[in-house]
Amino acid sequence: MVTSRTAAGQDNAQGRYERPAELDAALRRLAQGGWTPLAGGTDFYPARVGRPLRESLLDLSALQALRGVAERDDDGAPAWRIGALTTWSDVARAPLDPALTALQQAAREVGGVQIQNQATVGGNLCNASPAADGVPALLALDAEVELASVRGCRRLPLAGFVLGNRRTALAPDELLVAVIVPRRSPRARSRFLKLGHRRYLVISIAMAAVAVDFDDHDRLSHCAVAIGACSAAALRLPALERAMLSAPRAQLSRRFEALDAAVFAPLAPIDDVRGSAAYRREVAVELVRRVFAEFAGASTGAA
């Protein structure tokens, strides 16, 4: 069922408004073309202050099936399924594994509490800002996105979905309906760090998310490092990740300090009012250094 209304109850020059109650109805509307999906609206409305809304809005807020965080079996592998309309406050409060700490830390950095209560995970990803707080953490956690349309569903790695500044692989008739995060061993840990000019309600100068796992001998068996606000889209640093593998926990800082600076070569920061390109690169290196130092001093039994 689809409910529809405008200010006058009819279509007008300012576009249409509909609030479907079921996913199938929303997908059928998108398939017709000309609709702009609206999730939390925390980016959409501020960008249109002082001018009339002319888009035809497809308000997704009634799609309860796209909310919540749940454990699931993903083709035989345990995973977390995060609905696209799940708010960042929901993510921050969810009983997630210690391996997903980075995501919950990022959730608490999305604007202020009022924004976290309204902004959605799916909206953050589809907005595709280079400074989107949720993207580095989800990249480091090997997240995939689930996309749906009347043509069916498909899955993409997050790195293949966020393509650049405000660019994604989302087709015009598709909705992002969920984010899938694989679960790792009980020894897995992750961290997210962000630098801005103030504590809250700030656009990042640089962000880093690091996810690790350890083998039975407390050596690094998995490493993922993602940097945000230092390129057109947040990205992983595979050379750095490979170089850190097999390092004993106690030697993580020493191994990191021995790396060639070339492992940060994929970064392409810009100069802007928040910081120079050189400063952003320096910050990214320092944030990763701090995370590895923390992991080096942590016990496998601690979150």
Protein backbone atom coordinates (compact mmCIF):
# COMPACT_ATOMS: atom_id res chain seq x y z
CA MET A 1 0.00 0.00 0.00
CA VAL A 2 1.21 3.54 -0.78
CA THR A 3 -0.03 6.64 0.93
CA SER A 4 0.33 9.87 -0.99
CA ARG A 5 -0.18 13.52 -0.21
CA THR A 6 0.99 16.99 -1.14
CA ALA A 7 0.24 20.34 0.48
CA ALA A 8 -2.90 20.61 -1.67
CA GLY A 9 -3.61 16.90 -1.86
CA GLN A 10 -2.69 16.85 -5.56
CA ASP A 11 0.46 16.92 -7.68
CA ASN A 12 1.80 20.46 -8.01
CA ALA A 13 4.73 22.42 -9.41
CA GLN A 14 6.75 21.61 -6.34
CA GLY A 15 6.62 17.90 -7.03
CA ARG A 16 4.84 14.96 -5.47
CA TYR A 17 5.18 13.37 -2.04
CA GLU A 18 4.56 9.74 -1.21
CA ARG A 19 5.27 7.65 1.88
CA PRO A 20 5.04 3.96 1.01
CA ALA A 21 4.42 1.51 3.82
CA GLU A 22 6.00 -1.47 2.05
CA LEU A 23 9.29 -1.96 0.22
CA ASP A 24 7.65 -3.40 -2.90
CA ALA A 25 5.52 -0.28 -3.26
CA ALA A 26 8.57 1.96 -2.91
CA LEU A 27 10.45 0.00 -5.56
CA ARG A 28 7.52 0.21 -7.98
CA ARG A 29 7.45 3.98 -7.59
CA LEU A 30 11.20 4.24 -8.20
CA ALA A 31 10.85 2.11 -11.32
CA GLN A 32 8.53 4.79 -12.76
CA GLY A 33 11.35 7.34 -12.63
CA GLY A 34 11.38 10.91 -11.36
CA TRP A 35 11.41 10.15 -7.63
CA THR A 36 14.00 11.22 -5.04
CA PRO A 37 14.27 8.79 -2.11
CA LEU A 38 14.31 10.50 1.30
CA ALA A 39 15.68 8.79 4.39
CA GLY A 40 16.66 10.84 7.47
CA GLY A 41 16.83 14.10 5.51
CA THR A 42 19.74 15.50 7.55
CA ASP A 43 21.70 16.26 4.38
CA PHE A 44 18.79 16.75 2.01
CA TYR A 45 16.98 19.59 3.79
CA PRO A 46 19.97 21.74 4.82
CA ALA A 47 21.12 21.74 1.19
CA ARG A 48 17.79 23.32 0.16
CA VAL A 49 17.36 26.04 2.76
CA GLY A 50 15.83 29.19 1.27
CA ARG A 51 14.40 27.63 -1.87
CA PRO A 52 11.26 25.61 -2.62
CA LEU A 53 11.35 21.85 -2.87
CA ARG A 54 10.65 20.86 -6.47
CA GLU A 55 11.69 17.21 -6.30
CA SER A 56 9.13 14.44 -6.12
CA LEU A 57 9.96 12.92 -2.74
CA LEU A 58 9.64 9.25 -1.88
CA ASP A 59 9.67 9.28 1.92
CA LEU A 60 11.06 5.95 3.14
CA SER A 61 10.46 6.53 6.84
CA ALA A 62 7.51 4.10 7.07
CA LEU A 63 9.53 1.11 5.78
CA GLN A 64 10.02 -0.65 9.10
CA ALA A 65 11.58 -3.66 7.35
CA LEU A 66 14.64 -1.49 6.62
CA ARG A 67 15.29 -0.69 10.29
CA GLY A 68 17.30 -2.49 12.93
CA VAL A 69 20.47 -4.49 13.50
CA ALA A 70 20.31 -8.28 13.52
CA GLU A 71 22.57 -11.30 13.47
CA ARG A 72 22.12 -13.46 10.40
CA ASP A 73 23.60 -16.38 8.53
CA ASP A 74 25.09 -15.12 5.28
CA ASP A 75 25.57 -18.14 2.99
CA GLY A 76 26.88 -20.17 5.89
CA ALA A 77 28.96 -17.39 7.42
CA PRO A 78 27.84 -15.38 10.47
CA ALA A 79 27.22 -11.69 9.77
CA TRP A 80 25.44 -8.59 11.02
CA ARG A 81 22.65 -7.13 8.90
CA ILE A 82 22.08 -3.40 9.39
CA GLY A 83 18.91 -2.06 7.80
CA ALA A 84 19.43 1.01 5.64
CA LEU A 85 17.01 3.10 7.74
CA THR A 86 18.74 2.23 11.00
CA THR A 87 19.78 5.46 12.70
CA TRP A 88 23.27 6.12 13.98
CA SER A 89 21.88 6.24 17.52
CA ASP A 90 20.52 2.72 16.96
CA VAL A 91 23.95 1.56 15.80
CA ALA A 92 25.68 3.17 18.78
CA ARG A 93 23.35 1.36 21.22
CA ALA A 94 23.27 -2.03 19.50
CA PRO A 95 24.88 -5.04 21.29
CA LEU A 96 27.55 -5.56 18.63
CA ASP A 97 30.76 -7.57 18.77
CA PRO A 98 33.96 -5.81 19.93
CA ALA A 99 35.08 -6.28 16.33
CA LEU A 100 32.58 -3.55 15.36
CA THR A 101 33.70 -0.97 17.91
CA ALA A 102 34.94 1.26 15.06
CA LEU A 103 31.43 1.47 13.64
CA GLN A 104 29.93 2.44 16.99
CA GLN A 105 32.65 5.03 17.55
CA ALA A 106 31.91 6.47 14.11
CA ALA A 107 28.17 6.47 14.92
CA ARG A 108 28.83 8.81 17.84
CA GLU A 109 30.70 11.23 15.56
CA VAL A 110 27.88 11.79 13.05
CA GLY A 111 26.95 15.39 13.86
CA GLY A 112 25.35 15.88 17.28
CA VAL A 113 22.93 13.64 19.14
CA GLN A 114 19.89 15.14 17.38
CA ILE A 115 21.39 14.26 14.00
CA GLN A 116 22.39 10.78 15.17
CA ASN A 117 18.77 10.21 16.21
CA GLN A 118 17.52 11.03 12.69
CA ALA A 119 20.33 10.31 10.21
CA THR A 120 20.42 6.82 8.71
CA VAL A 121 23.20 4.44 7.76
CA GLY A 122 21.88 4.14 4.21
CA GLY A 123 21.55 7.88 3.79
CA ASN A 124 25.15 8.40 4.92
CA LEU A 125 26.41 5.95 2.33
CA CYS A 126 24.22 7.15 -0.53
CA ASN A 127 25.15 10.77 0.13
CA ALA A 128 28.75 9.68 -0.55
CA SER A 129 30.50 12.64 1.00
CA PRO A 130 34.30 12.25 1.15
CA ALA A 131 33.96 13.15 4.85
CA ALA A 132 31.10 10.74 5.64
CA ASP A 133 31.91 9.34 9.09
CA GLY A 134 30.35 5.94 8.51
CA VAL A 135 32.25 4.99 5.36
CA PRO A 136 35.81 4.37 6.68
CA ALA A 137 34.58 2.16 9.52
CA LEU A 138 32.38 0.07 7.23
CA LEU A 139 35.17 -0.19 4.65
CA ALA A 140 37.57 -1.48 7.29
CA LEU A 141 34.93 -4.01 8.38
CA ASP A 142 34.61 -5.43 4.82
CA ALA A 143 30.99 -4.34 4.58
CA GLU A 144 28.80 -5.02 1.58
CA VAL A 145 25.65 -3.20 0.55
CA GLU A 146 22.42 -4.86 -0.54
CA LEU A 147 20.58 -3.06 -3.32
CA ALA A 148 16.99 -3.76 -4.37
CA SER A 149 14.81 -2.85 -7.34
CA VAL A 150 11.85 -4.37 -9.16
CA ARG A 151 14.50 -6.21 -11.18
CA GLY A 152 15.77 -8.03 -8.10
CA CYS A 153 18.53 -7.69 -5.53
CA ARG A 154 22.28 -7.47 -5.84
CA ARG A 155 25.24 -7.14 -3.49
CA LEU A 156 28.31 -4.96 -3.84
CA PRO A 157 31.38 -4.45 -1.68
CA LEU A 158 31.18 -0.98 -0.17
CA ALA A 159 34.35 -0.02 -2.03
CA GLY A 160 32.52 -0.75 -5.28
CA PHE A 161 29.46 1.22 -4.22
CA VAL A 162 30.93 4.57 -3.11
CA LEU A 163 32.73 5.67 -6.27
CA GLY A 164 33.76 9.26 -5.49
CA ASN A 165 32.55 12.60 -4.25
CA ARG A 166 28.73 12.28 -4.20
CA ARG A 167 28.93 9.34 -6.65
CA THR A 168 27.69 5.81 -6.06
CA ALA A 169 26.90 2.72 -8.10
CA LEU A 170 23.20 3.00 -7.20
CA ALA A 171 20.94 2.76 -10.26
CA PRO A 172 18.03 5.25 -10.50
CA ASP A 173 15.50 2.51 -9.74
CA GLU A 174 17.40 1.00 -6.82
CA LEU A 175 17.29 1.45 -3.07
CA LEU A 176 20.05 0.58 -0.66
CA VAL A 177 18.19 -1.70 1.75
CA ALA A 178 20.88 -3.11 4.03
CA VAL A 179 24.54 -3.22 4.96
CA ILE A 180 26.08 -6.64 5.63
CA VAL A 181 29.12 -6.88 7.92
CA PRO A 182 30.86 -10.26 8.33
CA ARG A 183 31.60 -11.44 11.85
CA ARG A 184 35.13 -12.38 12.85
CA SER A 185 36.74 -14.28 15.71
CA PRO A 186 36.26 -13.25 19.35
CA ARG A 187 39.80 -11.82 19.19
CA ALA A 188 38.92 -9.28 16.47
CA ARG A 189 38.97 -5.59 17.37
CA SER A 190 38.51 -2.28 15.54
CA ARG A 191 38.91 1.43 16.22
CA PHE A 192 37.84 4.69 14.57
CA LEU A 193 39.56 8.04 15.10
CA LYS A 194 38.61 11.41 13.64
CA LEU A 195 40.19 14.84 13.74
CA GLY A 196 38.15 18.02 13.34
CA HIS A 197 38.40 21.60 14.54
CA ARG A 198 36.01 20.90 17.43
CA ARG A 199 34.52 17.92 19.22
CA TYR A 200 31.02 17.76 17.71
CA LEU A 201 29.10 18.95 14.63
CA VAL A 202 32.29 19.14 12.59
CA ILE A 203 33.37 18.01 9.13
CA SER A 204 36.43 15.82 9.35
CA ILE A 205 39.95 16.91 8.53
CA ALA A 206 40.91 13.23 8.44
CA MET A 207 39.56 9.91 9.71
CA ALA A 208 41.04 6.47 10.18
CA ALA A 209 39.40 3.11 10.86
CA VAL A 210 41.48 0.03 11.61
CA ALA A 211 40.15 -3.51 12.00
CA VAL A 212 42.37 -6.38 13.12
CA ASP A 213 42.23 -10.02 14.15
CA PHE A 214 44.81 -12.20 15.85
CA ASP A 215 45.70 -15.89 15.60
CA ASP A 216 46.20 -18.29 18.49
CA HIS A 217 49.78 -17.01 18.91
CA ASP A 218 48.63 -13.38 19.18
CA ARG A 219 50.01 -12.46 15.79
CA LEU A 220 48.12 -10.24 13.37
CA SER A 221 46.12 -12.52 11.07
CA HIS A 222 43.85 -9.86 9.53
CA CYS A 223 44.39 -6.15 9.02
CA ALA A 224 42.19 -3.54 7.34
CA VAL A 225 42.98 0.18 7.31
CA ALA A 226 40.61 2.76 5.80
CA ILE A 227 41.16 6.52 5.59
CA GLY A 228 38.44 9.13 5.09
CA ALA A 229 38.45 12.82 4.09
CA CYS A 230 41.81 12.37 2.35
CA SER A 231 40.55 11.44 -1.14
CA ALA A 232 37.41 11.74 -3.24
CA ALA A 233 36.08 8.67 -1.45
CA ALA A 234 37.30 6.90 1.65
CA LEU A 235 39.69 4.11 0.73
CA ARG A 236 41.63 1.15 2.06
CA LEU A 237 45.43 0.99 2.16
CA PRO A 238 46.23 -2.57 0.99
CA ALA A 239 50.02 -2.20 0.98
CA LEU A 240 49.96 -1.10 4.61
CA GLU A 241 47.61 -3.94 5.51
CA ARG A 242 49.87 -6.57 3.92
CA ALA A 243 52.96 -5.15 5.56
CA MET A 244 51.45 -5.41 9.04
CA LEU A 245 50.34 -9.04 8.77
CA SER A 246 51.98 -11.60 11.08
CA ALA A 247 53.32 -8.92 13.43
CA PRO A 248 53.13 -9.98 17.11
CA ARG A 249 50.66 -7.82 19.03
CA ALA A 250 53.40 -6.33 21.22
CA GLN A 251 55.35 -5.27 18.14
CA LEU A 252 52.58 -3.59 16.16
CA SER A 253 53.91 -0.09 16.81
CA ARG A 254 57.46 -1.09 15.90
CA ARG A 255 56.28 -2.73 12.67
CA PHE A 256 54.24 0.36 11.76
CA GLU A 257 57.16 2.73 12.36
CA ALA A 258 59.31 0.63 10.02
CA LEU A 259 56.89 0.95 7.08
CA ASP A 260 57.81 2.91 3.99
CA ALA A 261 55.81 6.12 3.55
CA ALA A 262 54.71 4.75 0.17
CA VAL A 263 52.03 2.69 1.89
CA PHE A 264 50.08 5.95 2.21
CA ALA A 265 50.56 6.83 -1.48
CA PRO A 266 46.93 6.10 -2.50
CA LEU A 267 45.75 9.10 -0.46
CA ALA A 268 44.93 12.24 -2.44
CA PRO A 269 44.01 14.90 0.11
CA ILE A 270 43.05 18.42 -0.94
CA ASP A 271 43.80 21.89 0.39
CA ASP A 272 40.72 23.60 1.81
CA VAL A 273 39.63 25.79 4.71
CA ARG A 274 39.89 22.87 7.14
CA GLY A 275 43.49 21.96 6.37
CA SER A 276 46.19 21.64 3.76
CA ALA A 277 46.79 18.44 1.84
CA ALA A 278 50.11 17.94 3.62
CA TYR A 279 48.48 18.37 7.02
CA ARG A 280 45.69 15.91 6.20
CA ARG A 281 48.23 13.30 5.14
CA GLU A 282 50.22 13.84 8.33
CA VAL A 283 47.06 13.52 10.41
CA ALA A 284 46.08 10.27 8.66
CA VAL A 285 49.46 8.73 9.46
CA GLU A 286 49.25 9.84 13.08
CA LEU A 287 45.73 8.47 13.56
CA VAL A 288 46.76 5.04 12.29
CA ARG A 289 49.88 5.15 14.46
CA ARG A 290 47.75 5.80 17.54
CA VAL A 291 45.39 2.92 16.78
CA PHE A 292 48.23 0.41 16.39
CA ALA A 293 49.80 1.69 19.59
CA GLU A 294 46.50 1.07 21.37
CA PHE A 295 46.19 -2.44 19.96
CA ALA A 296 49.79 -3.22 20.92
CA GLY A 297 49.03 -2.50 24.56
CA ALA A 298 45.65 -4.22 24.73
CA SER A 299 44.93 -7.70 26.01
CA THR A 300 43.10 -10.16 23.77
CA GLY A 301 40.51 -10.46 26.50
CA ALA A 302 39.64 -6.74 26.51
CA ALA A 303 37.23 -4.92 24.25
